[in-house]
N, C-alpha and C. Protein backbone atom coordinates (compact mmCIF):
# COMPACT_ATOMS: atom_id res chain seq x y z
N MET A 1 6.41 -18.08 5.63
CA MET A 1 5.42 -17.70 6.04
C MET A 1 5.16 -17.09 7.51
N ILE A 2 4.69 -15.79 7.59
CA ILE A 2 4.76 -15.23 8.49
C ILE A 2 3.68 -15.35 9.61
N THR A 3 3.53 -15.20 10.76
CA THR A 3 2.47 -15.64 11.39
C THR A 3 2.62 -14.60 12.52
N ALA A 4 1.61 -14.51 12.88
CA ALA A 4 0.67 -13.51 14.10
C ALA A 4 2.02 -12.86 14.92
N ALA A 5 2.51 -14.75 15.41
CA ALA A 5 3.44 -14.85 16.66
C ALA A 5 4.62 -13.51 16.14
N ASP A 6 5.06 -13.97 14.33
CA ASP A 6 6.09 -13.43 14.42
C ASP A 6 5.88 -12.02 14.07
N LEU A 7 5.16 -11.23 13.78
CA LEU A 7 5.01 -10.05 14.35
C LEU A 7 5.72 -9.06 15.26
N PRO A 8 6.63 -8.18 14.80
CA PRO A 8 6.61 -7.39 16.10
C PRO A 8 6.18 -6.10 16.15
N LYS A 9 7.15 -5.72 16.97
CA LYS A 9 6.23 -4.75 18.28
C LYS A 9 6.90 -3.36 17.30
N THR A 10 7.83 -3.01 17.18
CA THR A 10 8.09 -2.36 16.40
C THR A 10 9.08 -2.43 15.41
N ILE A 11 8.41 -1.58 14.22
CA ILE A 11 9.10 -1.51 13.19
C ILE A 11 9.73 -0.13 12.72
N ALA A 12 10.21 -0.78 11.64
CA ALA A 12 11.24 0.93 11.01
C ALA A 12 10.16 1.19 9.98
N ILE A 13 9.30 2.49 10.09
CA ILE A 13 8.72 3.49 9.15
C ILE A 13 8.93 3.98 7.69
N PHE A 14 8.79 3.66 6.64
CA PHE A 14 8.47 3.96 5.68
C PHE A 14 7.27 5.47 5.29
N PRO A 15 7.76 6.67 5.21
CA PRO A 15 6.57 7.47 5.16
C PRO A 15 6.64 7.98 3.55
N LEU A 16 5.92 7.79 2.72
CA LEU A 16 6.25 8.14 1.11
C LEU A 16 4.85 8.65 0.49
N THR A 17 4.55 9.55 0.46
CA THR A 17 2.90 10.69 -0.21
C THR A 17 2.95 9.50 -1.36
N GLY A 18 1.53 9.05 -1.31
CA GLY A 18 1.30 8.25 -2.45
C GLY A 18 1.34 6.55 -3.30
N ALA A 19 2.26 6.50 -1.87
CA ALA A 19 1.92 4.82 -2.14
C ALA A 19 1.54 3.49 -1.57
N LEU A 20 1.16 2.99 -1.88
CA LEU A 20 0.21 2.33 -1.13
C LEU A 20 0.19 1.00 -1.24
N LEU A 21 0.52 0.32 -0.24
CA LEU A 21 0.90 -1.46 -0.69
C LEU A 21 -0.13 -1.66 0.82
N LEU A 22 -0.57 -2.88 0.11
CA LEU A 22 -1.51 -3.86 0.59
C LEU A 22 -1.41 -5.67 0.66
N PRO A 23 -2.08 -5.94 2.13
CA PRO A 23 -1.64 -6.75 2.53
C PRO A 23 -1.97 -8.54 0.84
N ARG A 24 -0.52 -9.11 0.49
CA ARG A 24 -0.56 -9.76 -0.49
C ARG A 24 -0.05 -9.38 -1.27
N SER A 25 -0.01 -7.91 -1.67
CA SER A 25 0.46 -7.55 -3.01
C SER A 25 2.20 -6.93 -3.37
N ARG A 26 2.18 -6.71 -4.09
CA ARG A 26 3.92 -6.17 -4.05
C ARG A 26 4.20 -4.65 -4.49
N LEU A 27 4.67 -3.95 -3.75
CA LEU A 27 5.47 -3.00 -4.44
C LEU A 27 6.79 -2.46 -4.57
N PRO A 28 7.09 -2.43 -5.76
CA PRO A 28 8.80 -1.94 -6.16
C PRO A 28 8.95 0.08 -5.56
N LEU A 29 10.33 -0.82 -4.92
CA LEU A 29 10.75 0.88 -4.80
C LEU A 29 11.99 1.83 -5.05
N HIS A 30 12.40 2.16 -5.28
CA HIS A 30 13.74 2.90 -5.32
C HIS A 30 13.90 3.53 -4.42
N ILE A 31 15.49 2.96 -3.68
CA ILE A 31 15.98 3.60 -2.59
C ILE A 31 16.73 4.71 -2.98
N PHE A 32 16.98 5.77 -2.43
CA PHE A 32 18.07 6.85 -2.97
C PHE A 32 19.06 7.53 -1.64
N GLU A 33 17.90 8.00 -0.26
CA GLU A 33 18.22 8.79 0.44
C GLU A 33 19.01 8.17 1.73
N PRO A 34 20.04 8.69 1.91
CA PRO A 34 21.21 7.89 3.45
C PRO A 34 20.69 7.20 4.42
N ARG A 35 19.78 7.76 4.36
CA ARG A 35 18.97 7.01 5.95
C ARG A 35 17.82 6.29 5.55
N TYR A 36 17.52 5.79 4.23
CA TYR A 36 16.84 4.48 4.00
C TYR A 36 16.86 3.79 3.58
N LEU A 37 18.39 4.33 3.28
CA LEU A 37 19.48 3.18 2.44
C LEU A 37 19.84 2.26 3.55
N GLN A 38 19.96 3.11 4.68
CA GLN A 38 20.39 2.57 6.16
C GLN A 38 19.08 1.74 6.83
N MET A 39 18.16 2.48 6.35
CA MET A 39 16.88 1.51 6.67
C MET A 39 16.67 -0.14 6.18
N ILE A 40 17.13 0.05 5.42
CA ILE A 40 17.43 -1.60 3.97
C ILE A 40 18.50 -1.76 4.65
N GLU A 41 19.16 -1.89 5.05
CA GLU A 41 20.73 -2.93 5.74
C GLU A 41 19.92 -2.85 6.82
N ASP A 42 19.11 -2.12 7.93
CA ASP A 42 19.04 -2.79 9.27
C ASP A 42 18.37 -3.10 9.04
N CYS A 43 16.97 -3.25 7.95
CA CYS A 43 16.08 -4.39 7.90
C CYS A 43 16.40 -5.83 7.32
N MET A 44 17.77 -6.05 6.27
CA MET A 44 17.84 -7.30 6.28
C MET A 44 18.98 -7.92 7.41
N LYS A 45 19.05 -7.03 8.70
CA LYS A 45 19.64 -8.29 9.36
C LYS A 45 18.38 -8.73 10.27
N THR A 46 17.00 -8.73 10.27
CA THR A 46 16.08 -8.55 11.27
C THR A 46 15.82 -10.18 10.85
N PRO A 47 14.88 -10.62 11.34
CA PRO A 47 14.44 -11.83 11.40
C PRO A 47 13.41 -11.89 10.07
N THR A 48 12.51 -11.05 10.18
CA THR A 48 11.05 -11.02 9.27
C THR A 48 11.15 -9.96 7.93
N ARG A 49 12.54 -8.74 8.54
CA ARG A 49 12.54 -8.16 7.69
C ARG A 49 11.72 -6.69 7.22
N LEU A 50 11.20 -6.61 7.95
CA LEU A 50 9.77 -6.05 7.56
C LEU A 50 10.20 -4.91 7.42
N ILE A 51 9.26 -3.61 7.19
CA ILE A 51 9.04 -2.37 6.63
C ILE A 51 7.87 -2.08 6.68
N GLY A 52 7.58 -0.90 7.49
CA GLY A 52 6.46 -0.33 7.87
C GLY A 52 5.97 1.14 6.39
N MET A 53 4.45 1.10 5.10
CA MET A 53 5.17 2.03 4.58
C MET A 53 3.50 2.35 4.70
N VAL A 54 3.33 3.77 5.47
CA VAL A 54 2.59 4.75 6.28
C VAL A 54 3.01 6.51 5.24
N GLN A 55 1.39 6.67 4.79
CA GLN A 55 1.13 7.85 4.40
C GLN A 55 1.20 8.95 5.00
N PRO A 56 2.54 10.17 4.79
CA PRO A 56 2.03 11.53 5.26
C PRO A 56 0.41 12.24 5.17
N ARG A 57 0.46 12.44 6.88
CA ARG A 57 -0.90 13.01 6.45
C ARG A 57 -0.73 14.81 5.51
N SER A 58 -1.78 14.76 5.14
CA SER A 58 -2.16 16.13 4.14
C SER A 58 -2.85 17.03 5.03
N GLY A 59 -1.28 18.19 4.78
CA GLY A 59 -2.82 19.26 5.59
C GLY A 59 -2.16 19.13 7.46
N ALA A 60 -1.68 18.19 7.77
CA ALA A 60 -1.18 18.36 9.10
C ALA A 60 -0.14 18.64 9.53
N GLY A 61 0.50 19.23 8.74
CA GLY A 61 2.34 19.40 9.12
C GLY A 61 3.18 18.11 8.85
N GLU A 62 4.41 18.45 9.17
CA GLU A 62 5.73 17.80 9.09
C GLU A 62 5.67 17.11 9.46
N GLY A 63 5.39 15.80 8.71
CA GLY A 63 6.25 14.75 10.30
C GLY A 63 4.65 14.36 10.28
N LYS A 64 3.53 14.47 9.98
CA LYS A 64 2.33 13.79 10.85
C LYS A 64 2.18 13.35 9.86
N LEU A 65 1.99 11.33 10.24
CA LEU A 65 1.03 10.48 9.76
C LEU A 65 -0.34 9.91 9.34
N ASN A 66 -0.27 9.88 8.56
CA ASN A 66 -2.16 8.84 8.76
C ASN A 66 -1.54 7.52 10.15
N SER A 67 -2.87 7.06 10.27
CA SER A 67 -2.65 6.57 12.19
C SER A 67 -2.48 4.88 11.22
N ILE A 68 -2.98 4.82 9.92
CA ILE A 68 -3.23 2.65 9.65
C ILE A 68 -2.36 2.71 8.55
N GLY A 69 -1.41 1.69 8.12
CA GLY A 69 -0.22 2.36 7.31
C GLY A 69 0.25 0.25 7.19
N CYS A 70 0.48 -0.12 6.48
CA CYS A 70 0.90 -1.58 5.83
C CYS A 70 2.31 -1.93 6.03
N ALA A 71 2.23 -3.01 6.51
CA ALA A 71 4.52 -3.45 6.19
C ALA A 71 3.99 -4.88 5.83
N GLY A 72 5.76 -4.42 4.79
CA GLY A 72 6.00 -5.23 3.81
C GLY A 72 6.96 -5.83 4.12
N ARG A 73 7.43 -7.02 4.04
CA ARG A 73 8.43 -7.87 4.02
C ARG A 73 9.44 -7.83 2.84
N LEU A 74 10.97 -7.89 2.46
CA LEU A 74 11.60 -6.80 1.93
C LEU A 74 11.84 -8.51 1.12
N THR A 75 11.59 -8.28 0.00
CA THR A 75 11.78 -9.97 -0.62
C THR A 75 12.66 -10.32 -2.71
N GLY A 76 12.45 -8.57 -2.35
CA GLY A 76 13.45 -8.21 -3.58
C GLY A 76 14.57 -7.21 -3.26
N PHE A 77 15.60 -7.16 -3.43
CA PHE A 77 16.53 -6.34 -3.35
C PHE A 77 17.83 -6.51 -4.51
N SER A 78 18.02 -5.54 -5.51
CA SER A 78 19.08 -5.12 -5.78
C SER A 78 20.17 -3.82 -5.76
N GLU A 79 21.55 -3.74 -6.11
CA GLU A 79 22.19 -2.33 -5.93
C GLU A 79 22.97 -2.07 -7.12
N THR A 80 22.47 -1.01 -7.26
CA THR A 80 22.79 -0.11 -8.51
C THR A 80 24.40 0.33 -8.49
N GLU A 81 25.09 0.96 -9.19
CA GLU A 81 26.76 0.79 -9.73
C GLU A 81 26.72 2.52 -8.78
N ASP A 82 26.12 3.66 -9.20
CA ASP A 82 25.73 4.50 -7.53
C ASP A 82 25.47 4.24 -6.15
N GLY A 83 25.08 2.71 -5.54
CA GLY A 83 25.06 3.07 -4.88
C GLY A 83 23.61 2.56 -4.22
N ARG A 84 22.59 3.23 -4.97
CA ARG A 84 20.89 2.88 -5.06
C ARG A 84 20.37 1.88 -4.81
N TYR A 85 20.24 1.77 -4.12
CA TYR A 85 18.57 0.51 -3.84
C TYR A 85 17.35 0.19 -4.42
N MET A 86 17.73 -1.16 -5.62
CA MET A 86 15.94 -1.28 -5.67
C MET A 86 15.50 -2.59 -4.89
N ILE A 87 14.42 -2.67 -4.39
CA ILE A 87 13.66 -3.33 -3.34
C ILE A 87 11.94 -3.60 -4.09
N THR A 88 11.61 -4.85 -3.32
CA THR A 88 10.06 -5.15 -3.55
C THR A 88 9.94 -5.15 -2.66
N LEU A 89 8.97 -5.04 -1.44
CA LEU A 89 7.79 -5.12 -0.31
C LEU A 89 6.48 -6.33 -0.69
N SER A 90 6.92 -6.99 -0.05
CA SER A 90 5.96 -8.07 -0.58
C SER A 90 4.79 -7.77 0.92
N GLY A 91 3.81 -7.14 0.44
CA GLY A 91 2.89 -6.85 1.79
C GLY A 91 2.30 -7.83 2.47
N ILE A 92 2.17 -7.62 4.43
CA ILE A 92 1.94 -8.74 4.91
C ILE A 92 0.59 -8.78 5.77
N SER A 93 0.99 -7.60 6.77
CA SER A 93 -0.26 -6.76 6.83
C SER A 93 -0.51 -5.37 6.98
N ARG A 94 -2.07 -4.88 7.71
CA ARG A 94 -2.43 -3.09 7.91
C ARG A 94 -1.22 -3.56 9.24
N PHE A 95 -1.64 -2.01 10.30
CA PHE A 95 -1.46 -1.80 11.72
C PHE A 95 -1.70 -0.66 11.65
N ARG A 96 -1.82 0.13 12.93
CA ARG A 96 -2.32 1.44 13.72
C ARG A 96 -0.70 1.59 14.56
N LEU A 97 0.01 2.42 14.00
CA LEU A 97 1.16 3.76 14.51
C LEU A 97 0.45 3.32 16.06
N GLY A 98 1.22 3.33 16.95
CA GLY A 98 1.59 3.38 18.38
C GLY A 98 2.59 4.60 18.90
N GLN A 99 3.45 4.34 19.59
CA GLN A 99 4.38 5.87 20.22
C GLN A 99 5.58 5.60 19.31
N GLU A 100 6.21 6.36 18.95
CA GLU A 100 6.78 6.76 18.02
C GLU A 100 8.16 6.65 19.04
N SER A 101 9.36 6.00 18.48
CA SER A 101 10.60 4.91 19.23
C SER A 101 11.28 6.12 19.52
N THR A 102 11.94 7.11 21.05
CA THR A 102 13.35 7.76 20.91
C THR A 102 14.67 7.16 21.07
N GLY A 103 14.82 6.31 20.76
CA GLY A 103 16.70 6.03 20.80
C GLY A 103 16.66 6.84 19.53
N PHE A 104 18.30 6.36 19.00
CA PHE A 104 18.95 6.79 17.73
C PHE A 104 18.66 6.09 16.34
N SER A 105 18.12 7.28 15.78
CA SER A 105 18.17 6.08 14.95
C SER A 105 18.43 7.41 13.32
N PRO A 106 18.53 7.43 12.11
CA PRO A 106 18.57 7.94 10.96
C PRO A 106 16.85 7.75 10.22
N TYR A 107 16.30 7.19 10.70
CA TYR A 107 14.74 7.17 10.16
C TYR A 107 13.70 6.67 11.27
N ARG A 108 12.40 6.82 11.42
CA ARG A 108 11.60 6.56 11.83
C ARG A 108 11.32 4.95 12.18
N LYS A 109 10.88 5.15 14.11
CA LYS A 109 10.87 3.35 13.98
C LYS A 109 9.32 3.95 14.99
N PHE A 110 8.67 3.03 15.41
CA PHE A 110 7.29 2.89 15.80
C PHE A 110 6.96 2.05 16.33
N ASP A 111 6.39 1.50 17.80
CA ASP A 111 5.53 0.49 18.19
C ASP A 111 3.89 0.26 17.04
N VAL A 112 3.80 -0.65 17.03
CA VAL A 112 2.65 -1.00 16.07
C VAL A 112 1.74 -2.37 16.24
N HIS A 113 0.99 -1.39 16.28
CA HIS A 113 -0.60 -2.54 16.78
C HIS A 113 -1.25 -3.42 15.95
N TRP A 114 -1.09 -4.16 15.18
CA TRP A 114 -1.44 -5.60 14.87
C TRP A 114 -3.43 -6.10 14.59
N ALA A 115 -3.13 -6.13 16.06
CA ALA A 115 -5.38 -6.71 16.40
C ALA A 115 -5.46 -6.74 15.09
N ASP A 116 -5.91 -5.10 15.08
CA ASP A 116 -7.68 -4.97 14.31
C ASP A 116 -7.26 -5.42 12.71
N PHE A 117 -5.69 -5.97 12.27
CA PHE A 117 -6.02 -6.54 10.90
C PHE A 117 -5.64 -8.32 10.52
N ALA A 118 -6.11 -8.40 11.67
CA ALA A 118 -5.68 -10.32 11.68
C ALA A 118 -6.04 -11.13 10.63
N ALA A 119 -7.10 -11.02 9.66
CA ALA A 119 -7.15 -11.61 8.24
C ALA A 119 -6.45 -11.47 7.72
N ASP A 120 -5.57 -9.39 7.75
CA ASP A 120 -4.15 -9.76 6.64
C ASP A 120 -3.71 -10.72 6.54
N LEU A 121 -3.79 -11.75 7.54
CA LEU A 121 -2.40 -12.76 7.29
C LEU A 121 -2.99 -13.77 7.05
N GLY A 122 -4.04 -14.26 6.40
CA GLY A 122 -4.76 -15.33 5.69
C GLY A 122 -5.16 -15.24 4.81
N PRO A 123 -5.81 -16.53 4.13
CA PRO A 123 -5.33 -16.09 2.09
C PRO A 123 -6.25 -14.94 1.54
N ALA A 124 -6.27 -15.40 0.15
CA ALA A 124 -6.74 -14.10 -0.52
C ALA A 124 -8.07 -14.12 -0.25
N GLU A 125 -8.53 -13.30 0.16
CA GLU A 125 -10.51 -12.51 0.00
C GLU A 125 -10.53 -13.04 -1.39
N HIS A 126 -12.35 -12.73 -1.68
CA HIS A 126 -12.89 -13.27 -2.23
C HIS A 126 -14.00 -11.74 -2.53
N ASP A 127 -14.84 -11.35 -3.93
CA ASP A 127 -15.01 -10.63 -3.74
C ASP A 127 -16.64 -10.64 -4.16
N PRO A 128 -17.56 -11.79 -3.93
CA PRO A 128 -18.96 -12.17 -4.18
C PRO A 128 -19.79 -11.37 -5.12
N CYS A 129 -19.71 -9.84 -4.68
CA CYS A 129 -20.90 -8.95 -5.50
C CYS A 129 -19.74 -8.12 -6.91
N LEU A 130 -18.46 -9.14 -7.37
CA LEU A 130 -18.18 -7.86 -7.93
C LEU A 130 -18.42 -8.04 -9.96
N ASP A 131 -18.99 -7.34 -10.13
CA ASP A 131 -19.32 -7.66 -11.17
C ASP A 131 -17.98 -7.38 -12.14
N ARG A 132 -18.23 -8.50 -12.67
CA ARG A 132 -16.44 -8.38 -13.49
C ARG A 132 -16.60 -7.16 -14.83
N ARG A 133 -18.15 -8.16 -15.67
CA ARG A 133 -18.10 -7.50 -16.97
C ARG A 133 -18.56 -5.94 -16.97
N HIS A 134 -19.18 -5.63 -15.42
CA HIS A 134 -19.33 -3.90 -15.86
C HIS A 134 -18.02 -3.41 -15.17
N PHE A 135 -17.87 -4.16 -14.07
CA PHE A 135 -16.74 -3.44 -13.55
C PHE A 135 -15.20 -2.43 -14.61
N ILE A 136 -15.44 -3.89 -15.54
CA ILE A 136 -14.34 -4.02 -16.58
C ILE A 136 -14.55 -2.86 -17.23
N SER A 137 -15.30 -2.77 -18.08
CA SER A 137 -16.29 -1.96 -18.92
C SER A 137 -15.53 -0.80 -18.57
N LEU A 138 -15.95 -0.40 -17.37
CA LEU A 138 -16.11 1.03 -16.40
C LEU A 138 -14.41 1.53 -16.08
N LEU A 139 -13.53 0.19 -16.37
CA LEU A 139 -12.05 0.57 -16.03
C LEU A 139 -11.08 0.89 -17.47
N ARG A 140 -12.20 0.31 -18.42
CA ARG A 140 -12.01 0.84 -20.10
C ARG A 140 -12.28 1.95 -20.39
N ARG A 141 -13.48 2.82 -19.80
CA ARG A 141 -13.16 4.01 -20.35
C ARG A 141 -12.28 4.55 -18.52
N TYR A 142 -11.82 4.38 -17.64
CA TYR A 142 -11.14 5.17 -17.48
C TYR A 142 -9.87 5.34 -17.73
N PHE A 143 -8.76 4.18 -18.06
CA PHE A 143 -7.85 4.04 -18.40
C PHE A 143 -7.74 4.83 -19.50
N ASP A 144 -9.13 5.41 -20.68
CA ASP A 144 -8.96 5.60 -22.08
C ASP A 144 -9.09 7.05 -21.57
N GLU A 145 -9.61 7.53 -20.50
CA GLU A 145 -8.95 9.02 -19.86
C GLU A 145 -8.23 9.12 -19.73
N GLU A 146 -7.72 8.42 -18.69
CA GLU A 146 -6.40 8.74 -18.40
C GLU A 146 -4.94 8.61 -18.95
N ASP A 147 -5.31 7.83 -19.88
CA ASP A 147 -4.35 7.67 -21.06
C ASP A 147 -3.75 6.75 -20.85
N LEU A 148 -3.92 5.74 -19.90
CA LEU A 148 -3.62 4.35 -19.98
C LEU A 148 -3.39 3.31 -20.15
N ARG A 149 -2.55 2.35 -20.15
CA ARG A 149 -2.43 1.47 -20.64
C ARG A 149 -2.59 0.08 -19.85
N THR A 150 -3.07 -0.92 -20.50
CA THR A 150 -2.80 -2.38 -18.72
C THR A 150 -2.96 -3.55 -20.51
N ASP A 151 -2.61 -4.80 -19.89
CA ASP A 151 -2.65 -6.02 -21.05
C ASP A 151 -4.71 -6.37 -20.17
N TRP A 152 -5.42 -6.42 -21.38
CA TRP A 152 -6.91 -6.40 -20.75
C TRP A 152 -6.95 -7.75 -20.63
N GLU A 153 -6.70 -8.91 -21.25
CA GLU A 153 -6.22 -9.65 -21.39
C GLU A 153 -6.26 -10.49 -19.70
N ASN A 154 -5.11 -10.75 -19.51
CA ASN A 154 -4.43 -11.11 -17.52
C ASN A 154 -5.53 -9.62 -16.80
N LEU A 155 -5.50 -8.32 -17.61
CA LEU A 155 -6.64 -8.48 -16.10
C LEU A 155 -7.89 -9.01 -15.82
N GLY A 156 -8.33 -9.12 -16.82
CA GLY A 156 -9.97 -9.65 -17.11
C GLY A 156 -9.56 -11.22 -16.61
N ARG A 157 -9.24 -11.57 -16.70
CA ARG A 157 -8.14 -13.24 -15.71
C ARG A 157 -7.91 -12.85 -14.36
N ALA A 158 -7.48 -12.23 -13.37
CA ALA A 158 -7.14 -12.11 -12.61
C ALA A 158 -7.84 -12.12 -11.76
N GLU A 159 -7.75 -13.08 -10.64
CA GLU A 159 -8.14 -13.57 -9.42
C GLU A 159 -8.56 -12.02 -9.12
N ASP A 160 -10.20 -11.79 -7.73
CA ASP A 160 -10.31 -10.98 -6.98
C ASP A 160 -9.34 -9.94 -6.79
N GLU A 161 -9.18 -10.01 -6.01
CA GLU A 161 -7.88 -9.89 -4.84
C GLU A 161 -6.82 -9.36 -5.98
N LEU A 162 -6.28 -9.51 -6.37
CA LEU A 162 -5.31 -9.20 -7.93
C LEU A 162 -5.86 -8.62 -8.53
N LEU A 163 -6.79 -8.50 -8.83
CA LEU A 163 -7.78 -7.33 -9.82
C LEU A 163 -7.67 -5.54 -8.94
N ILE A 164 -8.28 -6.26 -7.62
CA ILE A 164 -8.71 -4.69 -7.07
C ILE A 164 -7.81 -4.45 -6.37
N ASN A 165 -6.84 -5.00 -5.63
CA ASN A 165 -5.03 -4.54 -5.13
C ASN A 165 -4.76 -3.79 -5.97
N SER A 166 -4.13 -4.46 -7.05
CA SER A 166 -4.03 -3.77 -8.07
C SER A 166 -4.30 -2.66 -8.37
N LEU A 167 -5.27 -2.45 -8.68
CA LEU A 167 -5.62 -1.43 -9.78
C LEU A 167 -6.13 -0.53 -7.96
N SER A 168 -6.19 -0.82 -7.05
CA SER A 168 -5.83 0.21 -5.77
C SER A 168 -5.45 0.92 -6.00
N MET A 169 -4.27 0.09 -5.91
CA MET A 169 -2.48 0.77 -5.59
C MET A 169 -1.55 1.54 -7.04
N LEU A 170 -2.73 1.35 -8.24
CA LEU A 170 -1.24 1.48 -9.51
C LEU A 170 -2.47 2.78 -10.26
N CYS A 171 -3.67 2.55 -9.86
CA CYS A 171 -4.67 3.93 -10.34
C CYS A 171 -3.87 5.34 -9.54
N PRO A 172 -3.75 6.37 -10.53
CA PRO A 172 -3.28 7.65 -9.73
C PRO A 172 -4.49 8.67 -9.46
N PHE A 173 -4.78 7.95 -8.24
CA PHE A 173 -5.43 8.53 -7.46
C PHE A 173 -5.14 9.33 -6.05
N GLY A 174 -5.06 10.31 -5.64
CA GLY A 174 -4.64 11.28 -3.89
C GLY A 174 -4.46 10.59 -3.45
N CYS A 175 -3.77 11.34 -2.25
CA CYS A 175 -3.15 10.31 -1.13
C CYS A 175 -4.02 9.65 0.30
N GLU A 176 -5.60 10.84 -0.05
CA GLU A 176 -6.53 10.71 1.09
C GLU A 176 -7.38 9.23 0.03
N ASP A 177 -7.45 9.33 -0.88
CA ASP A 177 -7.99 8.38 -1.71
C ASP A 177 -7.39 7.52 -1.49
N LYS A 178 -6.16 7.01 -1.59
CA LYS A 178 -5.30 6.11 -1.57
C LYS A 178 -5.68 5.50 0.28
N GLN A 179 -5.78 6.53 0.64
CA GLN A 179 -5.66 6.34 2.26
C GLN A 179 -6.68 5.49 2.16
N ALA A 180 -8.62 5.77 1.65
CA ALA A 180 -9.22 4.93 2.28
C ALA A 180 -9.13 4.12 1.61
N LEU A 181 -8.77 3.52 0.47
CA LEU A 181 -8.24 2.62 -0.02
C LEU A 181 -7.43 1.30 1.11
N LEU A 182 -6.84 1.56 1.42
CA LEU A 182 -5.97 1.44 2.58
C LEU A 182 -6.72 0.89 3.68
N GLU A 183 -7.84 1.77 3.96
CA GLU A 183 -8.85 1.10 5.03
C GLU A 183 -9.57 0.76 5.16
N ALA A 184 -9.61 0.59 4.06
CA ALA A 184 -11.25 -0.66 3.66
C ALA A 184 -10.51 -1.64 4.45
N PRO A 185 -12.19 -2.28 5.16
CA PRO A 185 -11.91 -3.26 5.90
C PRO A 185 -12.18 -4.24 5.17
N SER A 186 -12.59 -4.66 3.57
CA SER A 186 -12.89 -5.58 2.86
C SER A 186 -12.43 -5.72 2.10
N LEU A 187 -12.71 -6.75 1.05
CA LEU A 187 -12.20 -6.25 -0.84
C LEU A 187 -13.71 -5.98 -1.19
N SER A 188 -14.75 -5.98 -0.64
CA SER A 188 -15.96 -5.87 -1.24
C SER A 188 -15.96 -4.29 -1.03
N THR A 189 -15.95 -3.66 0.06
CA THR A 189 -15.71 -2.08 0.58
C THR A 189 -14.55 -1.47 -0.57
N ARG A 190 -13.34 -2.05 -0.85
CA ARG A 190 -11.91 -1.51 -1.41
C ARG A 190 -12.98 -1.70 -2.88
N ARG A 191 -13.18 -2.56 -3.44
CA ARG A 191 -14.21 -1.97 -4.84
C ARG A 191 -14.75 -1.53 -4.69
N GLU A 192 -15.75 -1.56 -3.99
CA GLU A 192 -17.31 -0.11 -3.65
C GLU A 192 -16.38 1.38 -3.73
N THR A 193 -15.15 1.76 -3.19
CA THR A 193 -14.26 2.51 -2.77
C THR A 193 -14.35 2.50 -4.16
N LEU A 194 -13.21 2.11 -5.12
CA LEU A 194 -12.56 1.76 -5.63
C LEU A 194 -13.88 2.48 -6.85
N ILE A 195 -14.66 1.71 -7.02
CA ILE A 195 -15.51 2.32 -8.07
C ILE A 195 -15.88 4.00 -7.81
N THR A 196 -16.26 4.33 -6.82
CA THR A 196 -16.96 5.23 -6.58
C THR A 196 -15.53 6.49 -6.82
N LEU A 197 -14.80 6.17 -7.02
CA LEU A 197 -13.57 6.91 -7.41
C LEU A 197 -13.18 7.15 -8.79
N ILE A 198 -13.28 6.21 -8.80
CA ILE A 198 -13.59 6.18 -10.64
C ILE A 198 -14.34 7.15 -11.70
N GLU A 199 -15.49 6.69 -11.16
CA GLU A 199 -16.61 7.49 -11.45
C GLU A 199 -16.96 9.11 -11.34
N PHE A 200 -16.02 8.91 -9.92
CA PHE A 200 -16.18 10.37 -9.90
C PHE A 200 -15.03 10.92 -11.26
N ALA A 201 -13.85 10.75 -11.46
CA ALA A 201 -12.93 11.07 -11.92
C ALA A 201 -13.51 10.99 -12.84
N LEU A 202 -14.02 10.18 -13.73
CA LEU A 202 -14.89 10.18 -15.13
C LEU A 202 -15.96 11.33 -15.50
N ARG A 203 -16.49 11.55 -13.80
CA ARG A 203 -16.91 12.93 -14.10
C ARG A 203 -16.89 14.60 -13.79
N GLY A 204 -14.96 14.52 -14.18
CA GLY A 204 -14.52 15.75 -13.92
C GLY A 204 -14.23 16.38 -12.42
N GLY A 205 -14.38 15.23 -11.85
CA GLY A 205 -14.52 15.44 -10.20
C GLY A 205 -12.70 15.45 -9.74
N ASN A 206 -12.77 16.60 -8.83
CA ASN A 206 -11.47 16.53 -8.02
C ASN A 206 -12.13 16.53 -5.60
N ASN A 207 -10.47 15.92 -5.98
CA ASN A 207 -10.98 16.14 -4.37
C ASN A 207 -11.61 16.68 -3.61
N GLU A 208 -11.33 18.37 -4.18
CA GLU A 208 -11.97 19.23 -3.13
C GLU A 208 -13.64 19.13 -2.35
N ASP A 209 -14.56 18.56 -4.15
CA ASP A 209 -15.15 18.41 -4.60
C ASP A 209 -15.74 17.09 -3.73
N MET A 210 -14.90 16.34 -3.69
CA MET A 210 -15.58 15.19 -2.62
C MET A 210 -15.61 15.15 -1.03
N MET A 211 -15.10 16.39 -0.31
CA MET A 211 -15.13 16.80 0.93
C MET A 211 -16.35 17.94 0.86
């Protein structure tokens, strides 16, 4: 188990549009670019095996990143016959980007600040205001509209955090919406944001309308 004292000052950053990783959640990734293959190999040599997932900033120019991301521990790894990597990251903690490292590396590294997200290292969150019946009913409408499939029985039994975070990661929202879900300060506010996004999608809205 990683503690606050284990968190490194500098981590490798994997910028990936539309990818959302949250604490205590898992994200499978397919790695094939040479620089990121090298990143994985270097990551496996570190004590914590952490990689920072950060979304590029929409419309902000090449190389510009959002200021908040989430670090995942490399917990699953396999290599294909043609040299690609299939990995799983387990979400550990969100962070704020600091200064970018200047040393030579084929991938980007940043100093990161963890202090604002100390609760991410704690136990799973619960959402005392979750109206599960209404929430599942709304999800059914949204999944029908988007032609999505799921195991409704298991979904209905999932713990609050697993339910809300899994949906936040898997639903086909835009990049800015995914970033809003990442930055939500609590599970309750993430659920409120998720409901707003789903209701807006059901009304036929788009990101431009929301802005």
